[in-house]
C-alpha atoms as a PDB file:
ATOM      1  CA  UNK A   1      -0.215  -0.011  -0.433  1.00  0.00           C
ATOM      2  CA  UNK A   2       1.493   3.376  -0.747  1.00  0.00           C
ATOM      3  CA  UNK A   3       1.780   5.707   1.762  1.00  0.00           C
ATOM      4  CA  UNK A   4      -0.017   9.135   2.623  1.00  0.00           C
ATOM      5  CA  UNK A   5       2.846  12.043   1.906  1.00  0.00           C
ATOM      6  CA  UNK A   6       2.451  14.853   3.978  1.00  0.00           C
ATOM      7  CA  UNK A   7       4.746  18.069   2.621  1.00  0.00           C
ATOM      8  CA  UNK A   8       6.109  20.026   5.352  1.00  0.00           C
ATOM      9  CA  UNK A   9       8.173  23.019   5.395  1.00  0.00           C
ATOM     10  CA  UNK A  10       8.929  24.491   8.114  1.00  0.00           C
ATOM     11  CA  UNK A  11      10.460  23.726  11.489  1.00  0.00           C
ATOM     12  CA  UNK A  12       7.596  23.606  13.891  1.00  0.00           C
ATOM     13  CA  UNK A  13       5.675  21.336  11.731  1.00  0.00           C
ATOM     14  CA  UNK A  14       8.323  18.725  11.731  1.00  0.00           C
ATOM     15  CA  UNK A  15       8.447  18.212  15.542  1.00  0.00           C
ATOM     16  CA  UNK A  16       4.853  17.792  15.750  1.00  0.00           C
ATOM     17  CA  UNK A  17       4.975  15.230  13.409  1.00  0.00           C
ATOM     18  CA  UNK A  18       7.920  13.549  15.052  1.00  0.00           C
ATOM     19  CA  UNK A  19       6.432  14.026  18.731  1.00  0.00           C
ATOM     20  CA  UNK A  20       3.455  12.206  18.220  1.00  0.00           C
ATOM     21  CA  UNK A  21       5.204   9.843  16.176  1.00  0.00           C
ATOM     22  CA  UNK A  22       7.329   9.319  19.342  1.00  0.00           C
ATOM     23  CA  UNK A  23       4.698   8.805  21.882  1.00  0.00           C
ATOM     24  CA  UNK A  24       3.180   6.303  19.685  1.00  0.00           C
ATOM     25  CA  UNK A  25       6.772   4.178  19.801  1.00  0.00           C
ATOM     26  CA  UNK A  26       7.327   4.324  15.720  1.00  0.00           C
ATOM     27  CA  UNK A  27      11.413   4.159  14.835  1.00  0.00           C
ATOM     28  CA  UNK A  28      12.168   7.023  12.657  1.00  0.00           C
ATOM     29  CA  UNK A  29      14.499   7.276  10.114  1.00  0.00           C
ATOM     30  CA  UNK A  30      15.883   9.996   7.092  1.00  0.00           C
ATOM     31  CA  UNK A  31      16.589   9.909   3.967  1.00  0.00           C
ATOM     32  CA  UNK A  32      18.669  13.464   3.589  1.00  0.00           C
ATOM     33  CA  UNK A  33      18.635  14.700  -0.366  1.00  0.00           C
ATOM     34  CA  UNK A  34      19.869  17.742  -2.033  1.00  0.00           C
ATOM     35  CA  UNK A  35      16.707  17.266  -4.279  1.00  0.00           C
ATOM     36  CA  UNK A  36      15.964  16.072  -8.696  1.00  0.00           C
ATOM     37  CA  UNK A  37      15.390  12.195  -7.146  1.00  0.00           C
ATOM     38  CA  UNK A  38      16.848   9.383  -8.782  1.00  0.00           C
ATOM     39  CA  UNK A  39      16.843   5.915  -8.489  1.00  0.00           C
ATOM     40  CA  UNK A  40      19.900   5.577  -6.130  1.00  0.00           C
ATOM     41  CA  UNK A  41      17.543   7.956  -3.768  1.00  0.00           C
ATOM     42  CA  UNK A  42      14.684   5.689  -4.398  1.00  0.00           C
ATOM     43  CA  UNK A  43      16.878   2.795  -2.950  1.00  0.00           C
ATOM     44  CA  UNK A  44      17.465   5.047   0.282  1.00  0.00           C
ATOM     45  CA  UNK A  45      14.245   5.399   0.275  1.00  0.00           C
ATOM     46  CA  UNK A  46      13.840   1.494   0.530  1.00  0.00           C
ATOM     47  CA  UNK A  47      16.158   0.636   2.310  1.00  0.00           C
ATOM     48  CA  UNK A  48      14.425   3.401   5.402  1.00  0.00           C
ATOM     49  CA  UNK A  49      10.617   1.725   4.223  1.00  0.00           C
ATOM     50  CA  UNK A  50      11.538  -1.700   5.198  1.00  0.00           C
ATOM     51  CA  UNK A  51      13.481  -0.343   8.656  1.00  0.00           C
ATOM     52  CA  UNK A  52      11.652   1.770   9.686  1.00  0.00           C
ATOM     53  CA  UNK A  53       7.931   2.733  10.981  1.00  0.00           C
ATOM     54  CA  UNK A  54       8.059   6.600   9.608  1.00  0.00           C
ATOM     55  CA  UNK A  55      10.328   7.805   6.519  1.00  0.00           C
ATOM     56  CA  UNK A  56      10.995  10.991   6.325  1.00  0.00           C
ATOM     57  CA  UNK A  57      13.109  12.396   3.568  1.00  0.00           C
ATOM     58  CA  UNK A  58      14.885  15.830   3.893  1.00  0.00           C
ATOM     59  CA  UNK A  59      15.244  18.031   0.066  1.00  0.00           C
ATOM     60  CA  UNK A  60      17.259  20.867   0.830  1.00  0.00           C
ATOM     61  CA  UNK A  61      20.324  22.516  -1.104  1.00  0.00           C
ATOM     62  CA  UNK A  62      22.646  23.342   1.173  1.00  0.00           C
ATOM     63  CA  UNK A  63      23.974  26.286   0.752  1.00  0.00           C
ATOM     64  CA  UNK A  64      26.997  25.766   3.212  1.00  0.00           C
ATOM     65  CA  UNK A  65      28.728  22.751   1.457  1.00  0.00           C
ATOM     66  CA  UNK A  66      28.965  25.247  -1.781  1.00  0.00           C
ATOM     67  CA  UNK A  67      31.837  27.232  -2.223  1.00  0.00           C
ATOM     68  CA  UNK A  68      31.839  29.909  -3.714  1.00  0.00           C
ATOM     69  CA  UNK A  69      32.266  29.313  -7.801  1.00  0.00           C
ATOM     70  CA  UNK A  70      30.460  25.686  -7.420  1.00  0.00           C
ATOM     71  CA  UNK A  71      26.677  25.354  -8.715  1.00  0.00           C
ATOM     72  CA  UNK A  72      24.737  26.215  -5.841  1.00  0.00           C
ATOM     73  CA  UNK A  73      22.736  28.834  -7.823  1.00  0.00           C
ATOM     74  CA  UNK A  74      22.324  25.954 -11.055  1.00  0.00           C
ATOM     75  CA  UNK A  75      21.730  22.607  -8.918  1.00  0.00           C
ATOM     76  CA  UNK A  76      18.842  21.005 -10.622  1.00  0.00           C
ATOM     77  CA  UNK A  77      15.704  21.243  -9.152  1.00  0.00           C
ATOM     78  CA  UNK A  78      12.072  20.301  -9.216  1.00  0.00           C
ATOM     79  CA  UNK A  79      10.443  19.975  -6.488  1.00  0.00           C
ATOM     80  CA  UNK A  80       6.931  18.888  -7.836  1.00  0.00           C
ATOM     81  CA  UNK A  81       9.546  15.271  -9.702  1.00  0.00           C
ATOM     82  CA  UNK A  82      10.668  15.033  -6.283  1.00  0.00           C
ATOM     83  CA  UNK A  83       7.427  14.983  -4.096  1.00  0.00           C
ATOM     84  CA  UNK A  84       6.216  12.231  -6.872  1.00  0.00           C
ATOM     85  CA  UNK A  85       8.114   9.972  -6.681  1.00  0.00           C
ATOM     86  CA  UNK A  86       8.869  10.367  -2.922  1.00  0.00           C
ATOM     87  CA  UNK A  87       5.072   9.661  -2.594  1.00  0.00           C
ATOM     88  CA  UNK A  88       5.732   6.420  -5.085  1.00  0.00           C
ATOM     89  CA  UNK A  89       8.953   5.846  -2.512  1.00  0.00           C
ATOM     90  CA  UNK A  90       6.770   5.114   0.029  1.00  0.00           C
ATOM     91  CA  UNK A  91       8.253   8.427   2.338  1.00  0.00           C
ATOM     92  CA  UNK A  92       5.536   9.563   4.780  1.00  0.00           C
ATOM     93  CA  UNK A  93       6.972  13.445   5.332  1.00  0.00           C
ATOM     94  CA  UNK A  94       8.905  14.889   2.638  1.00  0.00           C
ATOM     95  CA  UNK A  95      11.071  17.993   4.207  1.00  0.00           C
ATOM     96  CA  UNK A  96      11.125  21.325   2.411  1.00  0.00           C
ATOM     97  CA  UNK A  97      12.706  24.190   4.033  1.00  0.00           C
ATOM     98  CA  UNK A  98      14.183  27.283   2.477  1.00  0.00           C
ATOM     99  CA  UNK A  99      16.857  28.595   3.491  1.00  0.00           C
ATOM    100  CA  UNK A 100      15.787  30.765   5.156  1.00  0.00           C
ATOM    101  CA  UNK A 101      13.782  28.558   7.621  1.00  0.00           C
ATOM    102  CA  UNK A 102      17.192  26.420   8.237  1.00  0.00           C
ATOM    103  CA  UNK A 103      18.975  29.942   8.295  1.00  0.00           C
ATOM    104  CA  UNK A 104      17.531  32.798   9.405  1.00  0.00           C
ATOM    105  CA  UNK A 105      20.076  34.621  11.058  1.00  0.00           C
ATOM    106  CA  UNK A 106      23.568  34.240   9.378  1.00  0.00           C
ATOM    107  CA  UNK A 107      25.246  31.096  11.295  1.00  0.00           C
ATOM    108  CA  UNK A 108      27.443  30.978  13.869  1.00  0.00           C
ATOM    109  CA  UNK A 109      27.685  27.503  15.420  1.00  0.00           C
ATOM    110  CA  UNK A 110      30.247  25.293  12.743  1.00  0.00           C
ATOM    111  CA  UNK A 111      30.295  21.240  13.478  1.00  0.00           C
ATOM    112  CA  UNK A 112      33.980  20.677  11.562  1.00  0.00           C
ATOM    113  CA  UNK A 113      35.364  17.619  11.097  1.00  0.00           C
ATOM    114  CA  UNK A 114      39.023  16.517  11.037  1.00  0.00           C
ATOM    115  CA  UNK A 115      40.880  14.048   9.104  1.00  0.00           C
ATOM    116  CA  UNK A 116      39.135  12.340   6.933  1.00  0.00           C
ATOM    117  CA  UNK A 117      37.810  15.877   5.947  1.00  0.00           C
ATOM    118  CA  UNK A 118      40.764  16.339   4.740  1.00  0.00           C
ATOM    119  CA  UNK A 119      41.528  14.260   1.557  1.00  0.00           C
ATOM    120  CA  UNK A 120      39.484  13.641  -1.784  1.00  0.00           C
ATOM    121  CA  UNK A 121      37.087  16.085  -2.151  1.00  0.00           C
ATOM    122  CA  UNK A 122      37.686  17.855   1.445  1.00  0.00           C
ATOM    123  CA  UNK A 123      41.366  18.983  -0.355  1.00  0.00           C
ATOM    124  CA  UNK A 124      39.970  20.245  -2.849  1.00  0.00           C
ATOM    125  CA  UNK A 125      36.507  22.028  -1.475  1.00  0.00           C
ATOM    126  CA  UNK A 126      37.803  23.264   1.523  1.00  0.00           C
ATOM    127  CA  UNK A 127      34.988  23.798   4.105  1.00  0.00           C
ATOM    128  CA  UNK A 128      32.796  21.220   1.682  1.00  0.00           C
ATOM    129  CA  UNK A 129      32.264  19.179   4.548  1.00  0.00           C
ATOM    130  CA  UNK A 130      31.839  21.399   7.854  1.00  0.00           C
ATOM    131  CA  UNK A 131      28.632  22.133   5.260  1.00  0.00           C
ATOM    132  CA  UNK A 132      27.848  19.094   5.409  1.00  0.00           C
ATOM    133  CA  UNK A 133      28.081  18.254   8.929  1.00  0.00           C
ATOM    134  CA  UNK A 134      26.382  21.211  10.134  1.00  0.00           C
ATOM    135  CA  UNK A 135      23.466  20.637   8.039  1.00  0.00           C
ATOM    136  CA  UNK A 136      22.951  17.236   9.410  1.00  0.00           C
ATOM    137  CA  UNK A 137      23.476  18.310  13.139  1.00  0.00           C
ATOM    138  CA  UNK A 138      20.436  20.419  12.520  1.00  0.00           C
ATOM    139  CA  UNK A 139      18.666  17.517  10.313  1.00  0.00           C
ATOM    140  CA  UNK A 140      19.123  15.621  13.149  1.00  0.00           C
ATOM    141  CA  UNK A 141      18.426  17.298  16.219  1.00  0.00           C
ATOM    142  CA  UNK A 142      14.843  18.362  14.054  1.00  0.00           C
ATOM    143  CA  UNK A 143      13.680  14.511  12.992  1.00  0.00           C
ATOM    144  CA  UNK A 144      15.664  12.834  16.047  1.00  0.00           C
ATOM    145  CA  UNK A 145      15.722  10.007  13.556  1.00  0.00           C
ATOM    146  CA  UNK A 146      16.724   6.146  14.899  1.00  0.00           C
ATOM    147  CA  UNK A 147      18.156   5.440  11.621  1.00  0.00           C
ATOM    148  CA  UNK A 148      19.597   7.796   8.676  1.00  0.00           C
ATOM    149  CA  UNK A 149      20.528   6.011   5.055  1.00  0.00           C
ATOM    150  CA  UNK A 150      23.498   7.770   3.125  1.00  0.00           C
ATOM    151  CA  UNK A 151      24.536   6.310  -0.581  1.00  0.00           C
ATOM    152  CA  UNK A 152      28.273   5.145  -0.609  1.00  0.00           C
ATOM    153  CA  UNK A 153      28.559   6.746  -3.652  1.00  0.00           C
ATOM    154  CA  UNK A 154      29.974   9.765  -1.592  1.00  0.00           C
ATOM    155  CA  UNK A 155      31.761   6.830   0.613  1.00  0.00           C
ATOM    156  CA  UNK A 156      33.470  10.209   2.188  1.00  0.00           C
ATOM    157  CA  UNK A 157      29.814  11.894   3.722  1.00  0.00           C
ATOM    158  CA  UNK A 158      29.425   8.507   5.026  1.00  0.00           C
ATOM    159  CA  UNK A 159      32.834   8.678   6.857  1.00  0.00           C
ATOM    160  CA  UNK A 160      32.313  11.982   7.734  1.00  0.00           C
ATOM    161  CA  UNK A 161      28.841  11.842   9.038  1.00  0.00           C
ATOM    162  CA  UNK A 162      29.128   8.323  10.643  1.00  0.00           C
ATOM    163  CA  UNK A 163      32.611   9.601  12.441  1.00  0.00           C
ATOM    164  CA  UNK A 164      31.008  12.835  13.357  1.00  0.00           C
ATOM    165  CA  UNK A 165      28.164  10.859  15.320  1.00  0.00           C
ATOM    166  CA  UNK A 166      30.715   7.946  17.015  1.00  0.00           C
ATOM    167  CA  UNK A 167      32.217  11.130  18.180  1.00  0.00           C
ATOM    168  CA  UNK A 168      29.394  13.130  19.824  1.00  0.00           C
ATOM    169  CA  UNK A 169      27.403   9.874  21.098  1.00  0.00           C
ATOM    170  CA  UNK A 170      24.656  10.960  18.519  1.00  0.00           C
ATOM    171  CA  UNK A 171      21.793   8.792  19.543  1.00  0.00           C
ATOM    172  CA  UNK A 172      21.402   7.901  15.242  1.00  0.00           C
ATOM    173  CA  UNK A 173      22.144   4.432  12.789  1.00  0.00           C
ATOM    174  CA  UNK A 174      24.115   5.754  10.210  1.00  0.00           C
ATOM    175  CA  UNK A 175      22.853   3.018   7.531  1.00  0.00           C
ATOM    176  CA  UNK A 176      25.303   3.155   4.237  1.00  0.00           C
ATOM    177  CA  UNK A 177      23.958   1.788   1.166  1.00  0.00           C
ATOM    178  CA  UNK A 178      25.176   0.408  -2.313  1.00  0.00           C
ATOM    179  CA  UNK A 179      26.219   2.718  -5.281  1.00  0.00           C
ATOM    180  CA  UNK A 180      23.382   2.369  -7.799  1.00  0.00           C
ATOM    181  CA  UNK A 181      24.083   2.715 -10.643  1.00  0.00           C
ATOM    182  CA  UNK A 182      22.879   3.556 -15.270  1.00  0.00           C
ATOM    183  CA  UNK A 183      22.645   0.262 -17.126  1.00  0.00           C
ATOM    184  CA  UNK A 184      26.075   1.352 -18.684  1.00  0.00           C
ATOM    185  CA  UNK A 185      27.574   1.705 -15.433  1.00  0.00           C
ATOM    186  CA  UNK A 186      27.362   5.505 -14.536  1.00  0.00           C
ATOM    187  CA  UNK A 187      27.058   5.895 -10.853  1.00  0.00           C
ATOM    188  CA  UNK A 188      23.339   7.842 -10.184  1.00  0.00           C
ATOM    189  CA  UNK A 189      24.153  12.427  -9.870  1.00  0.00           C
ATOM    190  CA  UNK A 190      21.282  14.450 -10.206  1.00  0.00           C
ATOM    191  CA  UNK A 191      24.857  16.274 -11.725  1.00  0.00           C
ATOM    192  CA  UNK A 192      24.428  13.505 -14.651  1.00  0.00           C
ATOM    193  CA  UNK A 193      21.935  16.213 -16.330  1.00  0.00           C
ATOM    194  CA  UNK A 194      24.890  18.430 -16.762  1.00  0.00           C
ATOM    195  CA  UNK A 195      26.394  15.790 -19.521  1.00  0.00           C
ATOM    196  CA  UNK A 196      26.660  16.948 -22.420  1.00  0.00           C
ATOM    197  CA  UNK A 197      26.515  12.747 -24.851  1.00  0.00           C
ATOM    198  CA  UNK A 198      29.801  13.282 -25.632  1.00  0.00           C
ATOM    199  CA  UNK A 199      30.638  13.928 -22.242  1.00  0.00           C
ATOM    200  CA  UNK A 200      28.808  10.983 -20.336  1.00  0.00           C
ATOM    201  CA  UNK A 201      30.050   8.504 -23.255  1.00  0.00           C
ATOM    202  CA  UNK A 202      33.306   9.480 -21.859  1.00  0.00           C
ATOM    203  CA  UNK A 203      32.260   9.367 -18.585  1.00  0.00           C
ATOM    204  CA  UNK A 204      31.821   5.758 -18.278  1.00  0.00           C
ATOM    205  CA  UNK A 205      35.348   5.192 -17.700  1.00  0.00           C
ATOM    206  CA  UNK A 206      34.785   6.063 -14.115  1.00  0.00           C
ATOM    207  CA  UNK A 207      33.124   2.806 -12.951  1.00  0.00           C
ATOM    208  CA  UNK A 208      35.253   1.166 -16.380  1.00  0.00           C
ATOM    209  CA  UNK A 209      38.649   2.357 -14.187  1.00  0.00           C
ATOM    210  CA  UNK A 210      36.938   0.712 -10.963  1.00  0.00           C
ATOM    211  CA  UNK A 211      35.904  -2.149 -12.395  1.00  0.00           C
ATOM    212  CA  UNK A 212      39.536  -3.172 -13.489  1.00  0.00           C
ATOM    213  CA  UNK A 213      40.899  -1.708 -10.439  1.00  0.00           C
ATOM    214  CA  UNK A 214      38.758  -4.454  -8.271  1.00  0.00           C
ATOM    215  CA  UNK A 215      40.518  -7.390 -10.728  1.00  0.00           C
ATOM    216  CA  UNK A 216      44.320  -5.377 -10.059  1.00  0.00           C
ATOM    217  CA  UNK A 217      43.946  -5.551  -6.891  1.00  0.00           C
ATOM    218  CA  UNK A 218      42.003  -9.176  -7.066  1.00  0.00           C
ATOM    219  CA  UNK A 219      46.274  -9.992  -8.732  1.00  0.00           C
ATOM    220  CA  UNK A 220      47.455  -8.663  -5.554  1.00  0.00           C
ATOM    221  CA  UNK A 221      48.856  -5.746  -7.883  1.00  0.00           C
ATOM    222  CA  UNK A 222      50.383  -2.664  -5.969  1.00  0.00           C
ATOM    223  CA  UNK A 223      48.431  -0.158  -4.656  1.00  0.00           C
ATOM    224  CA  UNK A 224      50.464   2.689  -6.131  1.00  0.00           C
ATOM    225  CA  UNK A 225      50.436   1.125  -9.125  1.00  0.00           C
ATOM    226  CA  UNK A 226      46.893   0.300  -9.365  1.00  0.00           C
ATOM    227  CA  UNK A 227      46.739   4.134  -9.341  1.00  0.00           C
ATOM    228  CA  UNK A 228      49.365   4.963 -12.176  1.00  0.00           C
ATOM    229  CA  UNK A 229      47.461   2.541 -14.523  1.00  0.00           C
ATOM    230  CA  UNK A 230      43.851   4.166 -13.360  1.00  0.00           C
ATOM    231  CA  UNK A 231      44.901   7.293 -13.621  1.00  0.00           C
ATOM    232  CA  UNK A 232      46.743   7.065 -17.652  1.00  0.00           C
ATOM    233  CA  UNK A 233      43.543   5.603 -18.424  1.00  0.00           C
ATOM    234  CA  UNK A 234      41.487   7.724 -17.522  1.00  0.00           C
ATOM    235  CA  UNK A 235      43.246  10.791 -19.178  1.00  0.00           C
ATOM    236  CA  UNK A 236      43.289   8.942 -22.019  1.00  0.00           C
ATOM    237  CA  UNK A 237      39.327  10.571 -22.618  1.00  0.00           C
ATOM    238  CA  UNK A 238      40.294  13.921 -24.172  1.00  0.00           C
ATOM    239  CA  UNK A 239      37.283  15.556 -22.271  1.00  0.00           C
ATOM    240  CA  UNK A 240      38.451  14.247 -18.614  1.00  0.00           C
ATOM    241  CA  UNK A 241      40.323  17.081 -16.557  1.00  0.00           C
ATOM    242  CA  UNK A 242      41.261  14.430 -13.590  1.00  0.00           C
ATOM    243  CA  UNK A 243      40.877  15.670  -9.739  1.00  0.00           C
ATOM    244  CA  UNK A 244      42.024  13.096  -7.827  1.00  0.00           C
ATOM    245  CA  UNK A 245      42.563   9.347  -7.698  1.00  0.00           C
ATOM    246  CA  UNK A 246      43.004   7.357  -4.711  1.00  0.00           C
ATOM    247  CA  UNK A 247      43.843   3.990  -3.121  1.00  0.00           C
ATOM    248  CA  UNK A 248      43.127   4.433   1.106  1.00  0.00           C
ATOM    249  CA  UNK A 249      41.760   2.952   3.603  1.00  0.00           C
ATOM    250  CA  UNK A 250      38.139   2.789   4.379  1.00  0.00           C
ATOM    251  CA  UNK A 251      37.038   3.942   6.373  1.00  0.00           C
ATOM    252  CA  UNK A 252      39.837   6.298   8.194  1.00  0.00           C
ATOM    253  CA  UNK A 253      40.918   7.299   4.989  1.00  0.00           C
ATOM    254  CA  UNK A 254      44.497   6.656   5.990  1.00  0.00           C
ATOM    255  CA  UNK A 255      47.320   6.679   2.814  1.00  0.00           C
ATOM    256  CA  UNK A 256      48.129   2.954   2.865  1.00  0.00           C
ATOM    257  CA  UNK A 257      50.686   1.716   0.115  1.00  0.00           C
ATOM    258  CA  UNK A 258      50.588  -1.942   1.421  1.00  0.00           C
ATOM    259  CA  UNK A 259      47.381  -2.768   3.399  1.00  0.00           C
ATOM    260  CA  UNK A 260      46.756  -6.271   5.207  1.00  0.00           C
ATOM    261  CA  UNK A 261      44.277  -8.682   4.614  1.00  0.00           C
ATOM    262  CA  UNK A 262      41.270  -8.038   5.844  1.00  0.00           C
ATOM    263  CA  UNK A 263      41.773  -4.126   5.930  1.00  0.00           C
ATOM    264  CA  UNK A 264      38.709  -2.873   3.571  1.00  0.00           C
ATOM    265  CA  UNK A 265      40.169  -0.484   0.594  1.00  0.00           C
ATOM    266  CA  UNK A 266      38.130   2.116  -1.041  1.00  0.00           C
ATOM    267  CA  UNK A 267      39.244   3.362  -4.589  1.00  0.00           C
ATOM    268  CA  UNK A 268      37.833   7.390  -4.615  1.00  0.00           C
ATOM    269  CA  UNK A 269      37.679   9.381  -7.784  1.00  0.00           C
ATOM    270  CA  UNK A 270      36.799  12.426  -9.296  1.00  0.00           C
ATOM    271  CA  UNK A 271      36.961  14.229 -12.172  1.00  0.00           C
ATOM    272  CA  UNK A 272      35.759  16.470 -14.714  1.00  0.00           C
ATOM    273  CA  UNK A 273      34.180  16.158 -17.821  1.00  0.00           C
ATOM    274  CA  UNK A 274      33.431  19.877 -19.453  1.00  0.00           C
ATOM    275  CA  UNK A 275      31.765  21.951 -16.090  1.00  0.00           C
ATOM    276  CA  UNK A 276      30.207  18.582 -14.492  1.00  0.00           C
ATOM    277  CA  UNK A 277      32.125  17.304 -11.207  1.00  0.00           C
ATOM    278  CA  UNK A 278      32.198  13.394 -11.372  1.00  0.00           C
ATOM    279  CA  UNK A 279      32.543  10.950  -8.038  1.00  0.00           C
ATOM    280  CA  UNK A 280      32.725   7.381  -7.967  1.00  0.00           C
ATOM    281  CA  UNK A 281      34.028   4.794  -5.638  1.00  0.00           C
ATOM    282  CA  UNK A 282      35.037   1.014  -4.969  1.00  0.00           C
ATOM    283  CA  UNK A 283      34.991  -0.372  -1.333  1.00  0.00           C
ATOM    284  CA  UNK A 284      36.602  -3.850  -0.913  1.00  0.00           C
ATOM    285  CA  UNK A 285      38.263  -5.959   1.385  1.00  0.00           C
ATOM    286  CA  UNK A 286      41.801  -7.177  -0.160  1.00  0.00           C
END
């Protein structure tokens, strides 16, 4: 049976619903998003539906996590379409606050997580993960979820939020969910709509290089050599501009040259095709 979706735009109204859910003893799950929903987001909603009595999805393009030259203003938005998808995905409460609702005054409090934010996207996007940690903390305060569902495509974000929850003893369990891919292998992303046909075709090298990296890991190829081969493979695409290709221990994101058997390794990359920045990763045990 499809749930009846309620759209809520104020913190006060959300708290009324949460208090009633708590009074009824319901397990609450949150799926934080920036909207322009796709099947990746819907997989998170499905995971939340299976685990929780009340599913809250937030749609909020958070200005704190965008740098001055990034795509905050042009980030794709389509709230009508998002509401239909959330309804069909079994979401109970759709939280769609305006920026003025979340930040009625200039925010003076900043949540900053060290170490796991200093490589990968954190290196090239200073302040990004402070913005993520701050808005996620605020959402957790508003919704008071028992579970929070995040896509593993942004594995560094998962690591940051998990560390923050552990360090601050937040009463919420972080549930990482697998990357959802298009039929051609491209990781689903709201930013994929920016890609031209030629850029999209070339972007398929990202998933191909990760699949190849998995094979090289199984063959015992040294990690620095895997990184080198991936860079060569991606650089062969004329439109590709590599921001990083890294092989790190996960989830602490520590550089490692020779992994210990049983360790979790992430092969992570960020590459621009034209003006569009794409990320992807592979997490595996060695």
